[in-house]
């Protein structure tokens, strides 16, 4: 049986659940309600408190702080939670807060995510799997992030915004409205500049499907008439295509503004 390897300087409260083959380095502090999965590595100087669960195989670097209370005046002090998935890579000075009572009490991060130095996941966020957040990415409260999303350094996302699967958020971009699946956004106040074709290729999306989605993008954001009419027409014409249908469903599910394209043109690569 593989037992945890715990540095003598670490402080682990009674009640914490530590899995097998876990390495806990110098000066880590782990609260009584924390759950650390099998094969995790806590390098050193890490703070894990609150009702926080860390998935198997996750590696956490110095000065990360996970499970601290929400930075929200609406939080009432309840036993809200943070759940981090398996095989994540959480670098130095990353912070993740638990949820608030008003939104199910859960902040959740999926599997195989990379959070680089100084990234922050705010209360009640729901982050998918295989997400990459470069240095100093900031997610406000209640943000929803799909799978395979990439954030450039210094990107910031406003509260309650949804970001669709495969989107690319360029560095130093401020996102204040929902971003369609595979959308690429850029600018101090984000606007769409095209589609993340590189990301689609890496995920194995067929060339024909990429071309269909690019045509749909041009029709929807640059066609004549009102946006809702263009959306209805696109659904009638191409709603059976899986990628196009996914984009349409995402837009229709939104309750808040959508990030739009500011001008005609494409920054994405040729398919």
Protein backbone atom coordinates (compact mmCIF):
# COMPACT_ATOMS: atom_id res chain seq x y z
CA UNK A 1 0.00 0.00 0.00
CA UNK A 2 1.34 3.42 -0.99
CA UNK A 3 1.18 5.86 1.93
CA UNK A 4 1.28 9.66 1.63
CA UNK A 5 4.68 11.33 1.73
CA UNK A 6 4.22 14.31 4.04
CA UNK A 7 6.94 16.80 4.91
CA UNK A 8 7.26 17.31 8.69
CA UNK A 9 6.63 21.03 8.29
CA UNK A 10 3.21 20.52 6.66
CA UNK A 11 0.10 21.13 8.78
CA UNK A 12 -2.87 18.84 8.12
CA UNK A 13 -5.99 19.18 10.25
CA UNK A 14 -7.70 16.10 11.62
CA UNK A 15 -10.51 15.07 9.27
CA UNK A 16 -8.73 15.83 5.99
CA UNK A 17 -8.85 12.90 3.57
CA UNK A 18 -5.51 12.19 1.93
CA UNK A 19 -5.34 9.61 -0.88
CA UNK A 20 -2.63 7.08 -1.64
CA UNK A 21 0.75 7.99 -3.10
CA UNK A 22 0.22 11.67 -2.33
CA UNK A 23 3.22 13.97 -1.89
CA UNK A 24 2.76 16.97 0.41
CA UNK A 25 5.78 19.26 0.48
CA UNK A 26 7.12 21.76 3.00
CA UNK A 27 4.85 24.27 4.75
CA UNK A 28 1.59 23.17 3.14
CA UNK A 29 -1.61 23.71 5.14
CA UNK A 30 -4.65 21.50 4.57
CA UNK A 31 -7.98 22.04 6.29
CA UNK A 32 -10.17 19.44 7.96
CA UNK A 33 -12.74 19.32 5.15
CA UNK A 34 -10.27 18.94 2.28
CA UNK A 35 -10.05 15.81 0.12
CA UNK A 36 -6.79 15.20 -1.75
CA UNK A 37 -7.03 12.51 -4.45
CA UNK A 38 -4.58 9.71 -5.16
CA UNK A 39 -1.22 10.57 -6.73
CA UNK A 40 -1.53 14.31 -6.16
CA UNK A 41 1.63 16.37 -5.61
CA UNK A 42 1.62 19.51 -3.51
CA UNK A 43 5.06 21.01 -4.10
CA UNK A 44 5.31 23.41 -1.12
CA UNK A 45 3.70 26.41 0.63
CA UNK A 46 0.16 25.53 -0.54
CA UNK A 47 -3.06 26.45 1.25
CA UNK A 48 -6.10 24.18 0.79
CA UNK A 49 -9.03 24.94 3.07
CA UNK A 50 -12.82 24.77 3.08
CA UNK A 51 -14.86 21.98 1.53
CA UNK A 52 -12.36 21.43 -1.27
CA UNK A 53 -11.78 18.26 -3.29
CA UNK A 54 -8.71 17.86 -5.52
CA UNK A 55 -8.86 15.18 -8.23
CA UNK A 56 -6.33 12.39 -8.64
CA UNK A 57 -2.98 13.20 -10.23
CA UNK A 58 -3.28 16.96 -9.89
CA UNK A 59 -0.04 18.89 -9.27
CA UNK A 60 -0.13 22.15 -7.30
CA UNK A 61 2.79 24.58 -7.13
CA UNK A 62 3.94 26.95 -4.38
CA UNK A 63 1.73 29.69 -2.98
CA UNK A 64 -1.48 28.47 -4.60
CA UNK A 65 -4.53 28.98 -2.38
CA UNK A 66 -7.60 26.84 -3.02
CA UNK A 67 -10.97 26.74 -1.28
CA UNK A 68 -10.92 30.14 0.34
CA UNK A 69 -14.33 31.82 0.87
CA UNK A 70 -15.99 33.68 -2.00
CA UNK A 71 -15.08 37.29 -2.55
CA UNK A 72 -18.75 38.21 -2.50
CA UNK A 73 -20.90 40.25 -0.12
CA UNK A 74 -23.72 37.75 -0.78
CA UNK A 75 -21.85 34.86 0.83
CA UNK A 76 -23.46 33.90 4.15
CA UNK A 77 -20.69 31.68 5.52
CA UNK A 78 -22.19 28.34 4.51
CA UNK A 79 -20.27 25.12 3.72
CA UNK A 80 -19.97 25.79 0.00
CA UNK A 81 -17.54 23.80 -2.11
CA UNK A 82 -14.68 23.80 -4.61
CA UNK A 83 -14.15 20.70 -6.75
CA UNK A 84 -11.05 20.43 -8.97
CA UNK A 85 -10.79 17.58 -11.47
CA UNK A 86 -8.08 15.02 -12.15
CA UNK A 87 -4.65 15.60 -13.67
CA UNK A 88 -4.76 19.37 -13.48
CA UNK A 89 -1.62 21.51 -13.36
CA UNK A 90 -2.06 24.45 -10.99
CA UNK A 91 0.91 26.80 -10.98
CA UNK A 92 2.23 29.37 -8.54
CA UNK A 93 -0.10 31.91 -6.87
CA UNK A 94 -3.29 30.49 -8.42
CA UNK A 95 -6.42 31.22 -6.36
CA UNK A 96 -9.79 29.43 -6.52
CA UNK A 97 -12.77 30.29 -4.29
CA UNK A 98 -15.67 28.15 -3.13
CA UNK A 99 -19.20 28.92 -4.31
CA UNK A 100 -21.95 31.02 -2.78
CA UNK A 101 -25.28 29.82 -1.47
CA UNK A 102 -27.20 31.63 -4.22
CA UNK A 103 -25.86 29.52 -7.09
CA UNK A 104 -25.75 25.96 -5.83
CA UNK A 105 -22.74 26.50 -3.61
CA UNK A 106 -20.23 24.97 -6.00
CA UNK A 107 -17.18 26.18 -7.91
CA UNK A 108 -16.05 23.44 -10.30
CA UNK A 109 -13.00 22.86 -12.51
CA UNK A 110 -12.78 19.92 -14.93
CA UNK A 111 -10.00 17.48 -15.73
CA UNK A 112 -6.61 18.14 -17.33
CA UNK A 113 -6.72 21.91 -16.96
CA UNK A 114 -3.64 24.12 -16.84
CA UNK A 115 -3.82 27.27 -14.73
CA UNK A 116 -0.64 29.29 -15.07
CA UNK A 117 0.85 31.72 -12.56
CA UNK A 118 -1.56 34.11 -10.87
CA UNK A 119 -4.78 32.82 -12.44
CA UNK A 120 -8.00 33.24 -10.49
CA UNK A 121 -11.25 31.22 -10.57
CA UNK A 122 -14.00 33.15 -8.85
CA UNK A 123 -16.95 31.83 -6.88
CA UNK A 124 -19.56 29.67 -8.60
CA UNK A 125 -17.54 29.28 -11.81
CA UNK A 126 -18.07 26.14 -13.87
CA UNK A 127 -14.91 25.41 -15.88
CA UNK A 128 -14.77 22.52 -18.36
CA UNK A 129 -11.93 20.10 -19.07
CA UNK A 130 -8.70 20.69 -20.99
CA UNK A 131 -8.86 24.42 -20.38
CA UNK A 132 -5.64 26.44 -20.55
CA UNK A 133 -5.44 29.72 -18.64
CA UNK A 134 -2.21 31.67 -19.16
CA UNK A 135 -0.66 33.89 -16.49
CA UNK A 136 -3.01 36.24 -14.64
CA UNK A 137 -6.22 35.04 -16.27
CA UNK A 138 -9.14 36.29 -14.16
CA UNK A 139 -12.57 34.64 -14.08
CA UNK A 140 -15.23 36.61 -12.25
CA UNK A 141 -18.02 34.96 -10.29
CA UNK A 142 -20.55 32.66 -11.99
CA UNK A 143 -18.55 32.38 -15.23
CA UNK A 144 -19.13 29.25 -17.34
CA UNK A 145 -16.25 27.97 -19.50
CA UNK A 146 -16.55 25.11 -21.99
CA UNK A 147 -14.00 22.41 -22.82
CA UNK A 148 -10.71 23.19 -24.63
CA UNK A 149 -10.96 26.94 -24.11
CA UNK A 150 -7.65 28.84 -24.21
CA UNK A 151 -7.06 32.14 -22.38
CA UNK A 152 -4.10 34.33 -23.22
CA UNK A 153 -2.18 36.10 -20.46
CA UNK A 154 -4.01 38.82 -18.62
CA UNK A 155 -7.45 37.93 -20.00
CA UNK A 156 -10.34 38.91 -17.73
CA UNK A 157 -13.93 37.66 -17.85
CA UNK A 158 -16.87 39.51 -16.37
CA UNK A 159 -19.33 37.85 -13.98
CA UNK A 160 -22.00 35.51 -15.44
CA UNK A 161 -20.39 35.33 -18.89
CA UNK A 162 -20.50 32.02 -20.81
CA UNK A 163 -17.60 30.95 -23.02
CA UNK A 164 -18.30 28.16 -25.50
CA UNK A 165 -16.21 25.08 -26.21
CA UNK A 166 -12.97 25.65 -28.07
CA UNK A 167 -13.00 29.43 -27.85
CA UNK A 168 -9.76 31.43 -27.90
CA UNK A 169 -9.51 34.49 -25.65
CA UNK A 170 -6.52 36.55 -26.79
CA UNK A 171 -4.21 37.96 -24.12
CA UNK A 172 -5.19 41.23 -22.41
CA UNK A 173 -8.79 40.84 -23.59
CA UNK A 174 -11.67 41.93 -21.38
CA UNK A 175 -14.69 39.69 -21.99
CA UNK A 176 -18.00 41.26 -21.03
CA UNK A 177 -20.46 39.13 -23.05
CA UNK A 178 -20.94 35.49 -24.08
CA UNK A 179 -18.48 34.00 -26.59
CA UNK A 180 -19.70 31.46 -29.16
CA UNK A 181 -18.11 27.99 -29.39
CA UNK A 182 -14.83 28.17 -31.36
CA UNK A 183 -14.97 31.96 -31.35
CA UNK A 184 -11.77 34.01 -31.17
CA UNK A 185 -12.12 37.29 -29.29
CA UNK A 186 -9.71 40.17 -28.85
CA UNK A 187 -9.59 43.72 -27.55
CA UNK A 188 -9.89 45.68 -24.30
CA UNK A 189 -13.66 45.27 -24.68
CA UNK A 190 -13.76 41.97 -26.52
CA UNK A 191 -15.08 41.57 -30.03
CA UNK A 192 -15.07 38.56 -32.34
CA UNK A 193 -12.22 38.47 -34.84
CA UNK A 194 -12.90 35.05 -36.36
CA UNK A 195 -12.93 31.37 -35.45
CA UNK A 196 -10.32 29.27 -33.69
CA UNK A 197 -9.49 27.13 -36.72
CA UNK A 198 -6.22 25.92 -35.19
CA UNK A 199 -8.15 24.66 -32.19
CA UNK A 200 -10.67 22.88 -34.41
CA UNK A 201 -7.91 21.13 -36.32
CA UNK A 202 -6.29 20.01 -33.08
CA UNK A 203 -9.61 18.57 -31.90
CA UNK A 204 -10.00 16.63 -35.15
CA UNK A 205 -12.85 18.62 -36.68
CA UNK A 206 -13.06 17.67 -40.36
CA UNK A 207 -12.07 20.26 -42.96
CA UNK A 208 -15.56 20.18 -44.48
CA UNK A 209 -17.12 20.92 -41.10
CA UNK A 210 -14.69 23.81 -40.53
CA UNK A 211 -15.69 25.31 -43.86
CA UNK A 212 -19.40 24.97 -42.99
CA UNK A 213 -18.86 26.68 -39.67
CA UNK A 214 -16.91 29.53 -41.24
CA UNK A 215 -19.70 30.10 -43.79
CA UNK A 216 -22.22 30.07 -40.95
CA UNK A 217 -20.12 32.57 -39.03
CA UNK A 218 -19.99 34.96 -41.98
CA UNK A 219 -23.72 34.63 -42.63
CA UNK A 220 -24.68 35.14 -39.00
CA UNK A 221 -22.43 38.06 -38.12
CA UNK A 222 -22.14 39.86 -41.47
CA UNK A 223 -25.29 38.97 -43.42
CA UNK A 224 -28.12 41.41 -44.20
CA UNK A 225 -31.05 42.03 -41.90
CA UNK A 226 -31.50 41.74 -38.17
CA UNK A 227 -29.41 39.29 -36.17
CA UNK A 228 -32.36 37.19 -34.94
CA UNK A 229 -33.68 36.84 -38.47
CA UNK A 230 -30.26 35.72 -39.67
CA UNK A 231 -30.12 33.21 -36.80
CA UNK A 232 -33.51 31.77 -37.76
CA UNK A 233 -32.51 31.53 -41.41
CA UNK A 234 -29.20 29.86 -40.55
CA UNK A 235 -30.97 27.29 -38.39
CA UNK A 236 -33.44 26.49 -41.17
CA UNK A 237 -30.64 26.12 -43.73
CA UNK A 238 -27.81 24.49 -41.75
CA UNK A 239 -29.30 23.45 -38.42
CA UNK A 240 -28.62 19.77 -39.10
CA UNK A 241 -24.86 20.31 -39.20
CA UNK A 242 -23.52 19.38 -35.72
CA UNK A 243 -21.03 22.25 -35.34
CA UNK A 244 -23.46 24.86 -36.65
CA UNK A 245 -26.26 23.45 -34.50
CA UNK A 246 -24.00 23.68 -31.45
CA UNK A 247 -23.32 27.35 -32.11
CA UNK A 248 -27.00 28.11 -32.65
CA UNK A 249 -28.03 26.26 -29.47
CA UNK A 250 -25.41 28.17 -27.47
CA UNK A 251 -26.73 31.50 -28.72
CA UNK A 252 -30.36 30.61 -28.06
CA UNK A 253 -29.57 29.46 -24.52
CA UNK A 254 -28.05 32.81 -23.61
CA UNK A 255 -29.77 35.18 -21.21
CA UNK A 256 -27.18 37.93 -21.49
CA UNK A 257 -25.50 39.82 -24.36
CA UNK A 258 -23.43 38.04 -26.99
CA UNK A 259 -19.95 39.14 -28.09
CA UNK A 260 -20.31 40.38 -31.66
CA UNK A 261 -17.92 40.98 -34.54
CA UNK A 262 -16.95 44.62 -34.96
CA UNK A 263 -16.08 44.52 -38.65
CA UNK A 264 -16.01 42.20 -41.61
CA UNK A 265 -12.91 40.12 -42.08
CA UNK A 266 -11.29 37.02 -40.70
CA UNK A 267 -8.21 36.60 -38.55
CA UNK A 268 -8.51 32.84 -38.49
CA UNK A 269 -6.40 30.73 -40.82
CA UNK A 270 -7.51 29.20 -44.07
CA UNK A 271 -9.07 25.80 -43.57
